[in-house]
Amino acid sequence: MSICSYCYETNKVCKIEVGHFWNNEPYLAVVCSEDCKKKLWELVQNGTWMEHAPFITKKRKKPKSSVPSALTDKQFTKHE
């Protein structure tokens, strides 16, 4: 069984090799259709392929907090 690198479907037959998009070994990355290949190539070209996650239905909201999320020494020094 293989997983489509674009739509993440597992019940489809994925035979189209796209590993060369990332200079990977042959058949390390595959897609299930020419449509998925075209859409994935567009994501690779515009640099958003890492953000593509069709299985996540809504975006996470950043928590609103008055507490700093990362403590550094610069937060505790006076800036003049």
N, C-alpha and C. Protein backbone atom coordinates (compact mmCIF):
# COMPACT_ATOMS: atom_id res chain seq x y z
N MET A 1 0.85 -1.17 0.00
CA MET A 1 0.00 0.00 0.00
C MET A 1 0.89 1.24 0.00
N SER A 2 0.44 2.26 -0.69
CA SER A 2 1.18 3.52 -0.72
C SER A 2 0.21 4.66 -0.44
N ILE A 3 0.78 5.80 -0.11
CA ILE A 3 -0.01 6.99 0.22
C ILE A 3 0.29 8.07 -0.81
N CYS A 4 -0.77 8.67 -1.32
CA CYS A 4 -0.60 9.75 -2.29
C CYS A 4 0.05 10.95 -1.59
N SER A 5 1.08 11.49 -2.17
CA SER A 5 1.81 12.60 -1.56
C SER A 5 1.05 13.92 -1.64
N TYR A 6 -0.06 13.96 -2.39
CA TYR A 6 -0.86 15.18 -2.45
C TYR A 6 -2.16 15.06 -1.65
N CYS A 7 -2.97 14.05 -1.96
CA CYS A 7 -4.29 13.96 -1.30
C CYS A 7 -4.28 13.03 -0.10
N TYR A 8 -3.20 12.32 0.14
CA TYR A 8 -3.01 11.43 1.29
C TYR A 8 -4.00 10.27 1.34
N GLU A 9 -4.59 9.93 0.20
CA GLU A 9 -5.49 8.77 0.14
C GLU A 9 -4.65 7.49 0.16
N THR A 10 -5.12 6.51 0.90
CA THR A 10 -4.40 5.24 0.97
C THR A 10 -5.10 4.14 0.21
N ASN A 11 -6.37 4.33 -0.13
CA ASN A 11 -7.10 3.27 -0.80
C ASN A 11 -7.03 3.37 -2.32
N LYS A 12 -6.27 4.30 -2.84
CA LYS A 12 -6.07 4.42 -4.28
C LYS A 12 -4.74 3.79 -4.66
N VAL A 13 -4.63 3.41 -5.90
CA VAL A 13 -3.37 2.86 -6.40
C VAL A 13 -2.48 4.02 -6.81
N CYS A 14 -1.35 4.17 -6.15
CA CYS A 14 -0.43 5.27 -6.43
C CYS A 14 0.75 4.74 -7.24
N LYS A 15 0.78 5.11 -8.50
CA LYS A 15 1.83 4.60 -9.39
C LYS A 15 2.69 5.69 -10.00
N ILE A 16 2.30 6.93 -9.89
CA ILE A 16 3.04 8.01 -10.54
C ILE A 16 4.12 8.51 -9.59
N GLU A 17 5.36 8.36 -10.00
CA GLU A 17 6.51 8.68 -9.17
C GLU A 17 6.78 10.19 -9.21
N VAL A 18 6.92 10.82 -8.02
CA VAL A 18 7.22 12.25 -7.94
C VAL A 18 8.39 12.54 -7.00
N GLY A 19 9.13 11.54 -6.63
CA GLY A 19 10.27 11.73 -5.74
C GLY A 19 11.32 12.66 -6.30
N HIS A 20 11.39 12.75 -7.63
CA HIS A 20 12.38 13.63 -8.26
C HIS A 20 12.10 15.11 -7.98
N PHE A 21 10.88 15.45 -7.53
CA PHE A 21 10.58 16.83 -7.15
C PHE A 21 11.52 17.29 -6.04
N TRP A 22 11.91 16.36 -5.16
CA TRP A 22 12.76 16.69 -4.02
C TRP A 22 14.11 15.98 -4.10
N ASN A 23 14.44 15.45 -5.26
CA ASN A 23 15.69 14.72 -5.47
C ASN A 23 15.77 13.47 -4.58
N ASN A 24 14.62 12.77 -4.44
CA ASN A 24 14.56 11.55 -3.65
C ASN A 24 14.77 10.32 -4.51
N GLU A 25 14.91 9.19 -3.85
CA GLU A 25 15.01 7.92 -4.55
C GLU A 25 13.72 7.65 -5.32
N PRO A 26 13.80 6.89 -6.41
CA PRO A 26 12.59 6.57 -7.17
C PRO A 26 11.55 5.87 -6.31
N TYR A 27 10.32 6.27 -6.49
CA TYR A 27 9.13 5.73 -5.82
C TYR A 27 9.13 5.90 -4.31
N LEU A 28 9.92 6.83 -3.80
CA LEU A 28 9.84 7.18 -2.39
C LEU A 28 8.62 8.08 -2.16
N ALA A 29 8.30 8.90 -3.17
CA ALA A 29 7.09 9.74 -3.14
C ALA A 29 6.29 9.44 -4.40
N VAL A 30 5.01 9.16 -4.22
CA VAL A 30 4.13 8.83 -5.35
C VAL A 30 2.81 9.57 -5.20
N VAL A 31 2.11 9.72 -6.32
CA VAL A 31 0.76 10.30 -6.32
C VAL A 31 -0.17 9.35 -7.05
N CYS A 32 -1.47 9.56 -6.85
CA CYS A 32 -2.46 8.63 -7.39
C CYS A 32 -2.99 9.05 -8.76
N SER A 33 -2.77 10.30 -9.18
CA SER A 33 -3.31 10.74 -10.47
C SER A 33 -2.47 11.87 -11.05
N GLU A 34 -2.70 12.13 -12.32
CA GLU A 34 -2.02 13.24 -12.98
C GLU A 34 -2.47 14.57 -12.38
N ASP A 35 -3.72 14.64 -11.94
CA ASP A 35 -4.24 15.85 -11.31
C ASP A 35 -3.49 16.13 -10.00
N CYS A 36 -3.29 15.09 -9.19
CA CYS A 36 -2.54 15.25 -7.94
C CYS A 36 -1.09 15.64 -8.23
N LYS A 37 -0.51 15.09 -9.27
CA LYS A 37 0.87 15.41 -9.65
C LYS A 37 0.97 16.88 -10.03
N LYS A 38 0.01 17.36 -10.83
CA LYS A 38 0.01 18.76 -11.26
C LYS A 38 -0.14 19.70 -10.07
N LYS A 39 -1.08 19.40 -9.17
CA LYS A 39 -1.31 20.25 -8.00
C LYS A 39 -0.12 20.24 -7.06
N LEU A 40 0.50 19.07 -6.88
CA LEU A 40 1.68 18.98 -6.02
C LEU A 40 2.84 19.76 -6.61
N TRP A 41 3.02 19.70 -7.92
CA TRP A 41 4.10 20.43 -8.58
C TRP A 41 3.91 21.94 -8.39
N GLU A 42 2.66 22.41 -8.44
CA GLU A 42 2.39 23.83 -8.21
C GLU A 42 2.79 24.23 -6.78
N LEU A 43 2.50 23.36 -5.81
CA LEU A 43 2.87 23.64 -4.42
C LEU A 43 4.39 23.67 -4.26
N VAL A 44 5.08 22.77 -4.95
CA VAL A 44 6.55 22.73 -4.88
C VAL A 44 7.12 24.01 -5.50
N GLN A 45 6.55 24.43 -6.63
CA GLN A 45 7.04 25.62 -7.33
C GLN A 45 6.86 26.89 -6.49
N ASN A 46 5.72 27.03 -5.79
CA ASN A 46 5.52 28.26 -5.03
C ASN A 46 5.97 28.15 -3.58
N GLY A 47 6.55 27.00 -3.21
CA GLY A 47 7.17 26.84 -1.89
C GLY A 47 6.20 26.59 -0.75
N THR A 48 4.97 26.16 -1.04
CA THR A 48 3.99 25.95 0.02
C THR A 48 3.67 24.48 0.24
N TRP A 49 4.45 23.57 -0.30
CA TRP A 49 4.13 22.14 -0.19
C TRP A 49 4.20 21.66 1.25
N MET A 50 5.01 22.30 2.09
CA MET A 50 5.10 21.89 3.49
C MET A 50 3.85 22.31 4.28
N GLU A 51 3.15 23.32 3.81
CA GLU A 51 1.95 23.80 4.49
C GLU A 51 0.69 23.06 4.05
N HIS A 52 0.79 22.30 3.00
CA HIS A 52 -0.37 21.58 2.45
C HIS A 52 -0.73 20.42 3.37
N ALA A 53 -1.91 20.49 3.96
CA ALA A 53 -2.38 19.45 4.87
C ALA A 53 -3.89 19.29 4.71
N PRO A 54 -4.35 18.52 3.73
CA PRO A 54 -5.79 18.41 3.48
C PRO A 54 -6.54 17.70 4.59
N PHE A 55 -5.85 17.01 5.47
CA PHE A 55 -6.51 16.28 6.54
C PHE A 55 -6.83 17.17 7.74
N ILE A 56 -6.31 18.39 7.77
CA ILE A 56 -6.63 19.34 8.83
C ILE A 56 -7.75 20.24 8.33
N THR A 57 -8.88 20.23 9.02
CA THR A 57 -10.04 20.94 8.52
C THR A 57 -10.10 22.41 8.93
N LYS A 58 -9.59 22.77 10.08
CA LYS A 58 -9.59 24.17 10.45
C LYS A 58 -8.23 24.56 11.02
N LYS A 59 -7.90 25.83 10.83
CA LYS A 59 -6.60 26.32 11.29
C LYS A 59 -6.62 26.53 12.79
N ARG A 60 -5.49 26.29 13.40
CA ARG A 60 -5.34 26.51 14.83
C ARG A 60 -5.17 27.99 15.11
N LYS A 61 -5.79 28.45 16.17
CA LYS A 61 -5.61 29.84 16.57
C LYS A 61 -4.49 29.91 17.59
N LYS A 62 -3.72 30.96 17.50
CA LYS A 62 -2.65 31.16 18.47
C LYS A 62 -3.28 31.55 19.80
N PRO A 63 -2.81 30.95 20.88
CA PRO A 63 -3.39 31.30 22.18
C PRO A 63 -3.04 32.72 22.57
N LYS A 64 -4.03 33.43 23.09
CA LYS A 64 -3.78 34.79 23.56
C LYS A 64 -3.35 34.70 25.02
N SER A 65 -2.17 35.17 25.29
CA SER A 65 -1.64 35.07 26.64
C SER A 65 -0.74 36.26 26.92
N SER A 66 -0.76 36.71 28.15
CA SER A 66 0.11 37.80 28.53
C SER A 66 1.48 37.27 28.96
N VAL A 67 1.60 35.98 29.11
CA VAL A 67 2.86 35.36 29.50
C VAL A 67 3.72 35.20 28.25
N PRO A 68 4.99 35.58 28.33
CA PRO A 68 5.86 35.42 27.16
C PRO A 68 5.96 33.94 26.76
N SER A 69 5.99 33.70 25.47
CA SER A 69 6.08 32.32 25.01
C SER A 69 7.50 31.78 25.07
N ALA A 70 8.48 32.66 25.01
CA ALA A 70 9.88 32.24 25.11
C ALA A 70 10.61 33.23 26.00
N LEU A 71 11.31 32.72 26.98
CA LEU A 71 12.04 33.59 27.88
C LEU A 71 13.49 33.67 27.44
N THR A 72 13.97 34.89 27.32
CA THR A 72 15.38 35.11 26.96
C THR A 72 15.96 36.13 27.91
N ASP A 73 17.27 36.24 27.94
CA ASP A 73 17.91 37.19 28.84
C ASP A 73 17.61 38.63 28.42
N LYS A 74 17.29 38.88 27.15
CA LYS A 74 17.00 40.24 26.69
C LYS A 74 15.68 40.75 27.24
N GLN A 75 14.78 39.87 27.63
CA GLN A 75 13.51 40.29 28.18
C GLN A 75 13.66 40.86 29.58
N PHE A 76 14.76 40.56 30.23
CA PHE A 76 14.95 40.96 31.61
C PHE A 76 15.97 42.10 31.76
N THR A 77 16.49 42.63 30.66
CA THR A 77 17.44 43.73 30.71
C THR A 77 16.76 45.02 30.26
N LYS A 78 17.24 46.13 30.79
CA LYS A 78 16.67 47.42 30.41
C LYS A 78 17.23 47.83 29.05
N HIS A 79 16.34 48.29 28.22
CA HIS A 79 16.75 48.82 26.91
C HIS A 79 16.61 50.33 26.95
N GLU A 80 17.67 51.02 26.63
CA GLU A 80 17.63 52.49 26.69
C GLU A 80 17.63 53.08 25.32
